[in-house]
């Protein structure tokens, strides 16, 4: 975008209603997903010499198909989340200055994110044990199994280069794109007509729904609401990006270096206590009420 065009388009949607801005944000996300799919797959086929249809990539054993999926995943993160968020922030002139918060608040936030990984998985196990009746329930379980198998395939690659690529594609890019969109763009839009607690819950709920992971829904919802709550208190995009990245990268590193498929219940209990204490400490020193 040239300097003159940037100047002409900056703030053209600033006076539009929150609904109008939300609508165009959703349209840009859908369009970005379409562009990522229509461009990403042919480029991956050409670069990595892939011959199977895209649906068959997920079952293929050859490493080059994992490379292709990883490329498409990276493009989806950019085109579906980051680019629409940056465009909407430009068109609507959305810019918020970070609030001063104590280092104790930030330390508490990082402790919560690290410790939460040890107990949030229990929620997924509980969801897995529930009955999922009917065709829709089986469809949700099948889709979840497909996504989990893909993540396992990524994380089973044990070279240092693959670890680095996984951290970039599965941890860094989603953290940057999703936080720019859900916290840095969606929350300012929702603030126009809603109370802060409504915005925090809506941001977390939409964040969880977009992930389309039925079994992991409660855990994603908790993390989404927590990140929205932190952003409400700080207006610091770098902080929530760092927290989101930490959550993703910590899980990748744990699965890379550990042979454990699940955390011991003692570790899960300790993690829950640390998370609860961290959140209570943060709420006490935050200085702002969610009302």
C-alpha atoms as a PDB file:
ATOM      1  CA  UNK A   1       0.000   0.000   0.000  1.00  0.00           C
ATOM      2  CA  UNK A   2       1.613   3.260  -1.165  1.00  0.00           C
ATOM      3  CA  UNK A   3       1.952   6.244   1.128  1.00  0.00           C
ATOM      4  CA  UNK A   4      -0.761   8.226  -0.670  1.00  0.00           C
ATOM      5  CA  UNK A   5      -3.198   5.318  -0.735  1.00  0.00           C
ATOM      6  CA  UNK A   6      -2.457   4.589   2.917  1.00  0.00           C
ATOM      7  CA  UNK A   7      -3.254   8.173   3.804  1.00  0.00           C
ATOM      8  CA  UNK A   8      -6.463   8.187   1.751  1.00  0.00           C
ATOM      9  CA  UNK A   9      -7.813   4.974   3.281  1.00  0.00           C
ATOM     10  CA  UNK A  10      -6.737   5.493   6.883  1.00  0.00           C
ATOM     11  CA  UNK A  11      -9.778   5.898   9.112  1.00  0.00           C
ATOM     12  CA  UNK A  12     -12.397   5.649   6.334  1.00  0.00           C
ATOM     13  CA  UNK A  13     -14.429   3.283   8.557  1.00  0.00           C
ATOM     14  CA  UNK A  14     -13.696   5.079  11.805  1.00  0.00           C
ATOM     15  CA  UNK A  15     -17.244   6.449  12.143  1.00  0.00           C
ATOM     16  CA  UNK A  16     -18.913   3.210  11.076  1.00  0.00           C
ATOM     17  CA  UNK A  17     -20.862   1.189  13.603  1.00  0.00           C
ATOM     18  CA  UNK A  18     -19.277  -1.735  15.395  1.00  0.00           C
ATOM     19  CA  UNK A  19     -21.586  -4.090  13.485  1.00  0.00           C
ATOM     20  CA  UNK A  20     -20.389  -2.664  10.160  1.00  0.00           C
ATOM     21  CA  UNK A  21     -16.751  -3.086  11.175  1.00  0.00           C
ATOM     22  CA  UNK A  22     -17.367  -6.597  12.501  1.00  0.00           C
ATOM     23  CA  UNK A  23     -19.132  -7.590   9.283  1.00  0.00           C
ATOM     24  CA  UNK A  24     -16.254  -6.490   7.081  1.00  0.00           C
ATOM     25  CA  UNK A  25     -13.729  -8.089   9.390  1.00  0.00           C
ATOM     26  CA  UNK A  26     -15.593 -11.407   9.005  1.00  0.00           C
ATOM     27  CA  UNK A  27     -15.768 -10.962   5.223  1.00  0.00           C
ATOM     28  CA  UNK A  28     -12.029 -10.301   5.035  1.00  0.00           C
ATOM     29  CA  UNK A  29     -11.367 -13.403   7.133  1.00  0.00           C
ATOM     30  CA  UNK A  30     -13.465 -15.564   4.810  1.00  0.00           C
ATOM     31  CA  UNK A  31     -11.808 -14.015   1.768  1.00  0.00           C
ATOM     32  CA  UNK A  32      -8.371 -14.490   3.294  1.00  0.00           C
ATOM     33  CA  UNK A  33      -9.094 -18.149   3.967  1.00  0.00           C
ATOM     34  CA  UNK A  34     -10.198 -18.598   0.371  1.00  0.00           C
ATOM     35  CA  UNK A  35      -7.061 -16.916  -0.955  1.00  0.00           C
ATOM     36  CA  UNK A  36      -4.838 -19.002   1.339  1.00  0.00           C
ATOM     37  CA  UNK A  37      -6.461 -22.212   0.116  1.00  0.00           C
ATOM     38  CA  UNK A  38      -6.533 -21.292  -3.573  1.00  0.00           C
ATOM     39  CA  UNK A  39      -2.922 -20.074  -3.619  1.00  0.00           C
ATOM     40  CA  UNK A  40      -1.324 -22.166  -0.903  1.00  0.00           C
ATOM     41  CA  UNK A  41      -2.178 -25.607  -2.264  1.00  0.00           C
ATOM     42  CA  UNK A  42      -0.955 -25.027  -5.866  1.00  0.00           C
ATOM     43  CA  UNK A  43       2.224 -23.343  -4.628  1.00  0.00           C
ATOM     44  CA  UNK A  44       2.898 -26.221  -2.209  1.00  0.00           C
ATOM     45  CA  UNK A  45       2.308 -28.770  -4.993  1.00  0.00           C
ATOM     46  CA  UNK A  46       4.796 -26.984  -7.221  1.00  0.00           C
ATOM     47  CA  UNK A  47       7.480 -26.294  -4.603  1.00  0.00           C
ATOM     48  CA  UNK A  48       7.385 -29.676  -2.834  1.00  0.00           C
ATOM     49  CA  UNK A  49       6.483 -31.771  -5.903  1.00  0.00           C
ATOM     50  CA  UNK A  50       3.202 -33.068  -4.476  1.00  0.00           C
ATOM     51  CA  UNK A  51       0.893 -35.192  -6.639  1.00  0.00           C
ATOM     52  CA  UNK A  52      -1.947 -36.231  -4.324  1.00  0.00           C
ATOM     53  CA  UNK A  53      -5.131 -34.230  -3.807  1.00  0.00           C
ATOM     54  CA  UNK A  54      -5.059 -31.949  -0.786  1.00  0.00           C
ATOM     55  CA  UNK A  55      -7.399 -34.177   1.261  1.00  0.00           C
ATOM     56  CA  UNK A  56      -4.953 -37.072   0.866  1.00  0.00           C
ATOM     57  CA  UNK A  57      -2.010 -35.076   2.198  1.00  0.00           C
ATOM     58  CA  UNK A  58      -3.102 -35.703   5.774  1.00  0.00           C
ATOM     59  CA  UNK A  59      -2.793 -39.484   5.395  1.00  0.00           C
ATOM     60  CA  UNK A  60       0.379 -39.495   3.308  1.00  0.00           C
ATOM     61  CA  UNK A  61       3.531 -40.770   5.007  1.00  0.00           C
ATOM     62  CA  UNK A  62       6.089 -38.898   2.915  1.00  0.00           C
ATOM     63  CA  UNK A  63       7.756 -35.948   4.633  1.00  0.00           C
ATOM     64  CA  UNK A  64       7.143 -33.622   1.705  1.00  0.00           C
ATOM     65  CA  UNK A  65       3.389 -33.708   2.380  1.00  0.00           C
ATOM     66  CA  UNK A  66       3.975 -32.544   5.943  1.00  0.00           C
ATOM     67  CA  UNK A  67       5.993 -29.671   4.469  1.00  0.00           C
ATOM     68  CA  UNK A  68       3.085 -28.833   2.174  1.00  0.00           C
ATOM     69  CA  UNK A  69       0.543 -28.839   5.019  1.00  0.00           C
ATOM     70  CA  UNK A  70       2.830 -26.703   7.140  1.00  0.00           C
ATOM     71  CA  UNK A  71       3.161 -24.163   4.328  1.00  0.00           C
ATOM     72  CA  UNK A  72      -0.616 -23.954   3.879  1.00  0.00           C
ATOM     73  CA  UNK A  73      -1.081 -23.630   7.648  1.00  0.00           C
ATOM     74  CA  UNK A  74       1.349 -20.700   7.746  1.00  0.00           C
ATOM     75  CA  UNK A  75      -0.462 -18.986   4.884  1.00  0.00           C
ATOM     76  CA  UNK A  76      -3.830 -19.512   6.591  1.00  0.00           C
ATOM     77  CA  UNK A  77      -2.542 -17.849   9.782  1.00  0.00           C
ATOM     78  CA  UNK A  78      -1.391 -14.837   7.791  1.00  0.00           C
ATOM     79  CA  UNK A  79      -4.320 -14.445   5.399  1.00  0.00           C
ATOM     80  CA  UNK A  80      -7.185 -15.406   7.726  1.00  0.00           C
ATOM     81  CA  UNK A  81      -6.092 -13.626  10.903  1.00  0.00           C
ATOM     82  CA  UNK A  82      -3.193 -11.188  10.608  1.00  0.00           C
ATOM     83  CA  UNK A  83      -3.915  -9.481   7.267  1.00  0.00           C
ATOM     84  CA  UNK A  84      -7.662  -8.893   7.941  1.00  0.00           C
ATOM     85  CA  UNK A  85      -6.826  -7.551  11.397  1.00  0.00           C
ATOM     86  CA  UNK A  86      -4.189  -5.142  10.072  1.00  0.00           C
ATOM     87  CA  UNK A  87      -6.505  -3.929   7.304  1.00  0.00           C
ATOM     88  CA  UNK A  88      -9.448  -3.353   9.637  1.00  0.00           C
ATOM     89  CA  UNK A  89      -7.226  -1.574  12.166  1.00  0.00           C
ATOM     90  CA  UNK A  90      -6.055   0.694   9.340  1.00  0.00           C
ATOM     91  CA  UNK A  91      -9.495   1.389   7.845  1.00  0.00           C
ATOM     92  CA  UNK A  92     -11.106   1.969  11.248  1.00  0.00           C
ATOM     93  CA  UNK A  93      -8.081   3.777  12.760  1.00  0.00           C
ATOM     94  CA  UNK A  94      -7.968   1.366  15.694  1.00  0.00           C
ATOM     95  CA  UNK A  95      -4.999   2.120  17.866  1.00  0.00           C
ATOM     96  CA  UNK A  96      -4.811   1.769  21.635  1.00  0.00           C
ATOM     97  CA  UNK A  97      -2.001   2.797  23.925  1.00  0.00           C
ATOM     98  CA  UNK A  98      -0.836   0.281  26.501  1.00  0.00           C
ATOM     99  CA  UNK A  99      -1.803   0.950  30.118  1.00  0.00           C
ATOM    100  CA  UNK A 100       0.968   0.997  32.712  1.00  0.00           C
ATOM    101  CA  UNK A 101       0.822  -2.226  34.743  1.00  0.00           C
ATOM    102  CA  UNK A 102       3.177  -3.598  37.349  1.00  0.00           C
ATOM    103  CA  UNK A 103       5.767  -6.237  36.584  1.00  0.00           C
ATOM    104  CA  UNK A 104       3.987  -8.410  39.142  1.00  0.00           C
ATOM    105  CA  UNK A 105       0.863  -8.449  36.951  1.00  0.00           C
ATOM    106  CA  UNK A 106       2.881  -9.558  33.934  1.00  0.00           C
ATOM    107  CA  UNK A 107       4.739 -12.222  35.917  1.00  0.00           C
ATOM    108  CA  UNK A 108       1.397 -13.513  37.195  1.00  0.00           C
ATOM    109  CA  UNK A 109       0.091 -13.713  33.623  1.00  0.00           C
ATOM    110  CA  UNK A 110       3.075 -15.754  32.464  1.00  0.00           C
ATOM    111  CA  UNK A 111       2.786 -18.066  35.492  1.00  0.00           C
ATOM    112  CA  UNK A 112      -0.888 -18.615  34.696  1.00  0.00           C
ATOM    113  CA  UNK A 113      -0.157 -19.513  31.077  1.00  0.00           C
ATOM    114  CA  UNK A 114       2.620 -21.972  31.988  1.00  0.00           C
ATOM    115  CA  UNK A 115       0.748 -23.641  34.838  1.00  0.00           C
ATOM    116  CA  UNK A 116      -2.565 -23.863  32.976  1.00  0.00           C
ATOM    117  CA  UNK A 117      -1.085 -26.343  30.493  1.00  0.00           C
ATOM    118  CA  UNK A 118      -0.816 -28.924  33.267  1.00  0.00           C
ATOM    119  CA  UNK A 119      -4.540 -29.021  34.043  1.00  0.00           C
ATOM    120  CA  UNK A 120      -6.427 -27.785  30.975  1.00  0.00           C
ATOM    121  CA  UNK A 121      -5.783 -31.130  29.309  1.00  0.00           C
ATOM    122  CA  UNK A 122      -7.998 -32.748  31.962  1.00  0.00           C
ATOM    123  CA  UNK A 123     -10.926 -30.765  30.567  1.00  0.00           C
ATOM    124  CA  UNK A 124     -10.274 -32.295  27.157  1.00  0.00           C
ATOM    125  CA  UNK A 125     -10.212 -35.783  28.689  1.00  0.00           C
ATOM    126  CA  UNK A 126     -13.534 -35.040  30.386  1.00  0.00           C
ATOM    127  CA  UNK A 127     -15.028 -33.825  27.101  1.00  0.00           C
ATOM    128  CA  UNK A 128     -13.750 -36.958  25.390  1.00  0.00           C
ATOM    129  CA  UNK A 129     -15.563 -39.134  27.933  1.00  0.00           C
ATOM    130  CA  UNK A 130     -18.950 -37.477  27.327  1.00  0.00           C
ATOM    131  CA  UNK A 131     -21.512 -39.067  25.013  1.00  0.00           C
ATOM    132  CA  UNK A 132     -21.618 -37.407  21.590  1.00  0.00           C
ATOM    133  CA  UNK A 133     -24.905 -38.623  20.150  1.00  0.00           C
ATOM    134  CA  UNK A 134     -26.041 -38.584  16.565  1.00  0.00           C
ATOM    135  CA  UNK A 135     -24.299 -37.958  13.287  1.00  0.00           C
ATOM    136  CA  UNK A 136     -23.266 -34.420  14.274  1.00  0.00           C
ATOM    137  CA  UNK A 137     -21.531 -35.714  17.392  1.00  0.00           C
ATOM    138  CA  UNK A 138     -19.601 -38.307  15.428  1.00  0.00           C
ATOM    139  CA  UNK A 139     -18.696 -35.688  12.817  1.00  0.00           C
ATOM    140  CA  UNK A 140     -17.261 -33.430  15.540  1.00  0.00           C
ATOM    141  CA  UNK A 141     -15.242 -36.300  16.998  1.00  0.00           C
ATOM    142  CA  UNK A 142     -13.953 -37.308  13.554  1.00  0.00           C
ATOM    143  CA  UNK A 143     -12.861 -33.750  12.781  1.00  0.00           C
ATOM    144  CA  UNK A 144     -11.159 -33.487  16.172  1.00  0.00           C
ATOM    145  CA  UNK A 145      -9.350 -36.791  15.609  1.00  0.00           C
ATOM    146  CA  UNK A 146      -8.154 -35.514  12.229  1.00  0.00           C
ATOM    147  CA  UNK A 147      -6.794 -32.299  13.733  1.00  0.00           C
ATOM    148  CA  UNK A 148      -5.116 -34.142  16.617  1.00  0.00           C
ATOM    149  CA  UNK A 149      -3.521 -36.605  14.198  1.00  0.00           C
ATOM    150  CA  UNK A 150      -2.143 -33.723  12.137  1.00  0.00           C
ATOM    151  CA  UNK A 151      -0.617 -32.061  15.200  1.00  0.00           C
ATOM    152  CA  UNK A 152       0.854 -35.402  16.283  1.00  0.00           C
ATOM    153  CA  UNK A 153       2.360 -35.800  12.818  1.00  0.00           C
ATOM    154  CA  UNK A 154       3.998 -32.372  13.072  1.00  0.00           C
ATOM    155  CA  UNK A 155       5.315 -33.016  16.563  1.00  0.00           C
ATOM    156  CA  UNK A 156       6.586 -36.515  15.766  1.00  0.00           C
ATOM    157  CA  UNK A 157       9.235 -34.987  13.495  1.00  0.00           C
ATOM    158  CA  UNK A 158      12.253 -34.910  15.741  1.00  0.00           C
ATOM    159  CA  UNK A 159      14.903 -32.923  13.883  1.00  0.00           C
ATOM    160  CA  UNK A 160      15.956 -29.525  15.307  1.00  0.00           C
ATOM    161  CA  UNK A 161      14.917 -27.860  12.041  1.00  0.00           C
ATOM    162  CA  UNK A 162      11.425 -29.347  12.271  1.00  0.00           C
ATOM    163  CA  UNK A 163      11.188 -28.201  15.886  1.00  0.00           C
ATOM    164  CA  UNK A 164      12.065 -24.661  14.809  1.00  0.00           C
ATOM    165  CA  UNK A 165       9.576 -24.750  11.921  1.00  0.00           C
ATOM    166  CA  UNK A 166       6.842 -26.098  14.205  1.00  0.00           C
ATOM    167  CA  UNK A 167       7.469 -23.306  16.716  1.00  0.00           C
ATOM    168  CA  UNK A 168       7.212 -20.732  13.918  1.00  0.00           C
ATOM    169  CA  UNK A 169       4.138 -22.215  12.185  1.00  0.00           C
ATOM    170  CA  UNK A 170       2.222 -23.652  15.167  1.00  0.00           C
ATOM    171  CA  UNK A 171       3.252 -21.204  17.897  1.00  0.00           C
ATOM    172  CA  UNK A 172       4.503 -17.840  16.612  1.00  0.00           C
ATOM    173  CA  UNK A 173       2.320 -17.152  13.566  1.00  0.00           C
ATOM    174  CA  UNK A 174      -0.971 -18.147  15.281  1.00  0.00           C
ATOM    175  CA  UNK A 175      -0.054 -16.086  18.347  1.00  0.00           C
ATOM    176  CA  UNK A 176       0.648 -12.956  16.300  1.00  0.00           C
ATOM    177  CA  UNK A 177      -2.274 -13.311  13.906  1.00  0.00           C
ATOM    178  CA  UNK A 178      -4.914 -14.377  16.421  1.00  0.00           C
ATOM    179  CA  UNK A 179      -3.992 -11.762  19.032  1.00  0.00           C
ATOM    180  CA  UNK A 180      -4.002  -8.960  16.479  1.00  0.00           C
ATOM    181  CA  UNK A 181      -7.441 -10.115  15.399  1.00  0.00           C
ATOM    182  CA  UNK A 182      -9.243 -11.229  18.574  1.00  0.00           C
ATOM    183  CA  UNK A 183      -7.701  -8.809  21.056  1.00  0.00           C
ATOM    184  CA  UNK A 184      -6.261  -5.942  19.012  1.00  0.00           C
ATOM    185  CA  UNK A 185      -9.147  -5.635  16.544  1.00  0.00           C
ATOM    186  CA  UNK A 186     -12.276  -7.469  17.692  1.00  0.00           C
ATOM    187  CA  UNK A 187     -12.259  -6.171  21.273  1.00  0.00           C
ATOM    188  CA  UNK A 188     -12.034  -2.456  20.306  1.00  0.00           C
ATOM    189  CA  UNK A 189     -14.938  -3.038  17.895  1.00  0.00           C
ATOM    190  CA  UNK A 190     -17.039  -4.718  20.573  1.00  0.00           C
ATOM    191  CA  UNK A 191     -16.225  -2.010  23.134  1.00  0.00           C
ATOM    192  CA  UNK A 192     -18.296   0.470  21.148  1.00  0.00           C
ATOM    193  CA  UNK A 193     -21.631  -0.894  22.388  1.00  0.00           C
ATOM    194  CA  UNK A 194     -20.926  -3.451  25.127  1.00  0.00           C
ATOM    195  CA  UNK A 195     -19.728  -3.545  28.712  1.00  0.00           C
ATOM    196  CA  UNK A 196     -16.161  -4.788  29.293  1.00  0.00           C
ATOM    197  CA  UNK A 197     -17.202  -8.120  30.834  1.00  0.00           C
ATOM    198  CA  UNK A 198     -19.420  -8.834  27.811  1.00  0.00           C
ATOM    199  CA  UNK A 199     -16.557  -8.001  25.445  1.00  0.00           C
ATOM    200  CA  UNK A 200     -14.152 -10.248  27.360  1.00  0.00           C
ATOM    201  CA  UNK A 201     -16.552 -13.195  27.246  1.00  0.00           C
ATOM    202  CA  UNK A 202     -17.479 -12.636  23.592  1.00  0.00           C
ATOM    203  CA  UNK A 203     -13.851 -12.360  22.535  1.00  0.00           C
ATOM    204  CA  UNK A 204     -13.006 -15.599  24.332  1.00  0.00           C
ATOM    205  CA  UNK A 205     -16.075 -17.380  22.960  1.00  0.00           C
ATOM    206  CA  UNK A 206     -15.478 -16.366  19.334  1.00  0.00           C
ATOM    207  CA  UNK A 207     -11.797 -17.272  19.764  1.00  0.00           C
ATOM    208  CA  UNK A 208     -12.790 -20.768  20.913  1.00  0.00           C
ATOM    209  CA  UNK A 209     -15.442 -21.262  18.223  1.00  0.00           C
ATOM    210  CA  UNK A 210     -13.104 -20.265  15.394  1.00  0.00           C
ATOM    211  CA  UNK A 211     -10.675 -23.009  16.445  1.00  0.00           C
ATOM    212  CA  UNK A 212     -13.389 -25.613  15.696  1.00  0.00           C
ATOM    213  CA  UNK A 213     -12.089 -28.107  18.239  1.00  0.00           C
ATOM    214  CA  UNK A 214     -14.991 -29.651  20.132  1.00  0.00           C
ATOM    215  CA  UNK A 215     -12.946 -31.726  22.580  1.00  0.00           C
ATOM    216  CA  UNK A 216     -10.567 -28.881  23.421  1.00  0.00           C
ATOM    217  CA  UNK A 217     -13.289 -26.214  23.451  1.00  0.00           C
ATOM    218  CA  UNK A 218     -13.389 -25.621  27.267  1.00  0.00           C
ATOM    219  CA  UNK A 219      -9.626 -25.191  27.496  1.00  0.00           C
ATOM    220  CA  UNK A 220      -9.444 -22.865  24.490  1.00  0.00           C
ATOM    221  CA  UNK A 221     -12.361 -20.857  25.901  1.00  0.00           C
ATOM    222  CA  UNK A 222     -10.595 -20.415  29.256  1.00  0.00           C
ATOM    223  CA  UNK A 223      -7.380 -19.286  27.599  1.00  0.00           C
ATOM    224  CA  UNK A 224      -9.282 -16.956  25.250  1.00  0.00           C
ATOM    225  CA  UNK A 225     -11.179 -15.335  28.109  1.00  0.00           C
ATOM    226  CA  UNK A 226      -7.970 -15.002  30.146  1.00  0.00           C
ATOM    227  CA  UNK A 227      -6.104 -13.343  27.278  1.00  0.00           C
ATOM    228  CA  UNK A 228      -9.051 -10.977  26.730  1.00  0.00           C
ATOM    229  CA  UNK A 229      -9.087 -10.165  30.464  1.00  0.00           C
ATOM    230  CA  UNK A 230      -5.345  -9.416  30.373  1.00  0.00           C
ATOM    231  CA  UNK A 231      -5.806  -7.201  27.311  1.00  0.00           C
ATOM    232  CA  UNK A 232      -8.627  -5.318  29.030  1.00  0.00           C
ATOM    233  CA  UNK A 233      -6.283  -4.502  31.906  1.00  0.00           C
ATOM    234  CA  UNK A 234      -3.213  -3.685  29.815  1.00  0.00           C
ATOM    235  CA  UNK A 235      -4.173  -2.827  26.202  1.00  0.00           C
ATOM    236  CA  UNK A 236      -0.753  -4.344  25.500  1.00  0.00           C
ATOM    237  CA  UNK A 237      -0.770  -6.403  22.295  1.00  0.00           C
ATOM    238  CA  UNK A 238       2.848  -7.456  22.690  1.00  0.00           C
ATOM    239  CA  UNK A 239       2.066  -8.886  26.112  1.00  0.00           C
ATOM    240  CA  UNK A 240      -0.866 -11.032  24.960  1.00  0.00           C
ATOM    241  CA  UNK A 241       1.077 -12.133  21.872  1.00  0.00           C
ATOM    242  CA  UNK A 242       3.906 -13.198  24.167  1.00  0.00           C
ATOM    243  CA  UNK A 243       1.493 -15.073  26.448  1.00  0.00           C
ATOM    244  CA  UNK A 244      -0.180 -16.827  23.522  1.00  0.00           C
ATOM    245  CA  UNK A 245       3.177 -17.743  22.003  1.00  0.00           C
ATOM    246  CA  UNK A 246       4.384 -19.059  25.360  1.00  0.00           C
ATOM    247  CA  UNK A 247       1.334 -21.314  25.650  1.00  0.00           C
ATOM    248  CA  UNK A 248       1.819 -22.746  22.151  1.00  0.00           C
ATOM    249  CA  UNK A 249       5.611 -23.071  22.292  1.00  0.00           C
ATOM    250  CA  UNK A 250       5.655 -24.557  25.792  1.00  0.00           C
ATOM    251  CA  UNK A 251       3.310 -27.337  24.680  1.00  0.00           C
ATOM    252  CA  UNK A 252       5.386 -28.033  21.555  1.00  0.00           C
ATOM    253  CA  UNK A 253       8.625 -28.165  23.546  1.00  0.00           C
ATOM    254  CA  UNK A 254       7.091 -30.388  26.226  1.00  0.00           C
ATOM    255  CA  UNK A 255       5.875 -32.893  23.612  1.00  0.00           C
ATOM    256  CA  UNK A 256       9.232 -32.733  21.820  1.00  0.00           C
ATOM    257  CA  UNK A 257      11.394 -33.429  24.871  1.00  0.00           C
ATOM    258  CA  UNK A 258       9.006 -35.538  26.983  1.00  0.00           C
ATOM    259  CA  UNK A 259       7.754 -39.069  26.460  1.00  0.00           C
ATOM    260  CA  UNK A 260       4.614 -38.463  28.534  1.00  0.00           C
ATOM    261  CA  UNK A 261       1.287 -38.493  26.673  1.00  0.00           C
ATOM    262  CA  UNK A 262      -0.490 -36.932  29.653  1.00  0.00           C
ATOM    263  CA  UNK A 263       0.526 -35.081  32.790  1.00  0.00           C
ATOM    264  CA  UNK A 264       0.442 -36.896  36.161  1.00  0.00           C
ATOM    265  CA  UNK A 265      -2.568 -35.841  38.239  1.00  0.00           C
ATOM    266  CA  UNK A 266      -0.259 -34.445  40.933  1.00  0.00           C
ATOM    267  CA  UNK A 267       1.321 -32.110  38.382  1.00  0.00           C
ATOM    268  CA  UNK A 268      -2.127 -31.141  37.084  1.00  0.00           C
ATOM    269  CA  UNK A 269      -3.302 -30.329  40.621  1.00  0.00           C
ATOM    270  CA  UNK A 270      -0.181 -28.277  41.327  1.00  0.00           C
ATOM    271  CA  UNK A 271      -0.647 -26.420  38.048  1.00  0.00           C
ATOM    272  CA  UNK A 272      -4.263 -25.631  38.880  1.00  0.00           C
ATOM    273  CA  UNK A 273      -3.282 -24.238  42.298  1.00  0.00           C
ATOM    274  CA  UNK A 274      -0.578 -22.059  40.721  1.00  0.00           C
ATOM    275  CA  UNK A 275      -3.019 -20.822  38.057  1.00  0.00           C
ATOM    276  CA  UNK A 276      -5.643 -19.978  40.673  1.00  0.00           C
ATOM    277  CA  UNK A 277      -3.116 -18.181  42.876  1.00  0.00           C
ATOM    278  CA  UNK A 278      -1.676 -16.276  39.901  1.00  0.00           C
ATOM    279  CA  UNK A 279      -5.094 -15.121  38.725  1.00  0.00           C
ATOM    280  CA  UNK A 280      -6.113 -14.068  42.237  1.00  0.00           C
ATOM    281  CA  UNK A 281      -2.895 -12.097  42.638  1.00  0.00           C
ATOM    282  CA  UNK A 282      -3.377 -10.391  39.266  1.00  0.00           C
ATOM    283  CA  UNK A 283      -6.985  -9.480  40.056  1.00  0.00           C
ATOM    284  CA  UNK A 284      -5.929  -7.982  43.355  1.00  0.00           C
ATOM    285  CA  UNK A 285      -3.240  -5.708  41.936  1.00  0.00           C
ATOM    286  CA  UNK A 286      -4.870  -4.907  38.587  1.00  0.00           C
ATOM    287  CA  UNK A 287      -6.518  -1.715  39.815  1.00  0.00           C
ATOM    288  CA  UNK A 288      -9.377  -1.935  37.292  1.00  0.00           C
ATOM    289  CA  UNK A 289     -12.802  -3.508  37.687  1.00  0.00           C
ATOM    290  CA  UNK A 290     -14.546  -5.433  34.937  1.00  0.00           C
ATOM    291  CA  UNK A 291     -18.059  -4.006  34.986  1.00  0.00           C
END
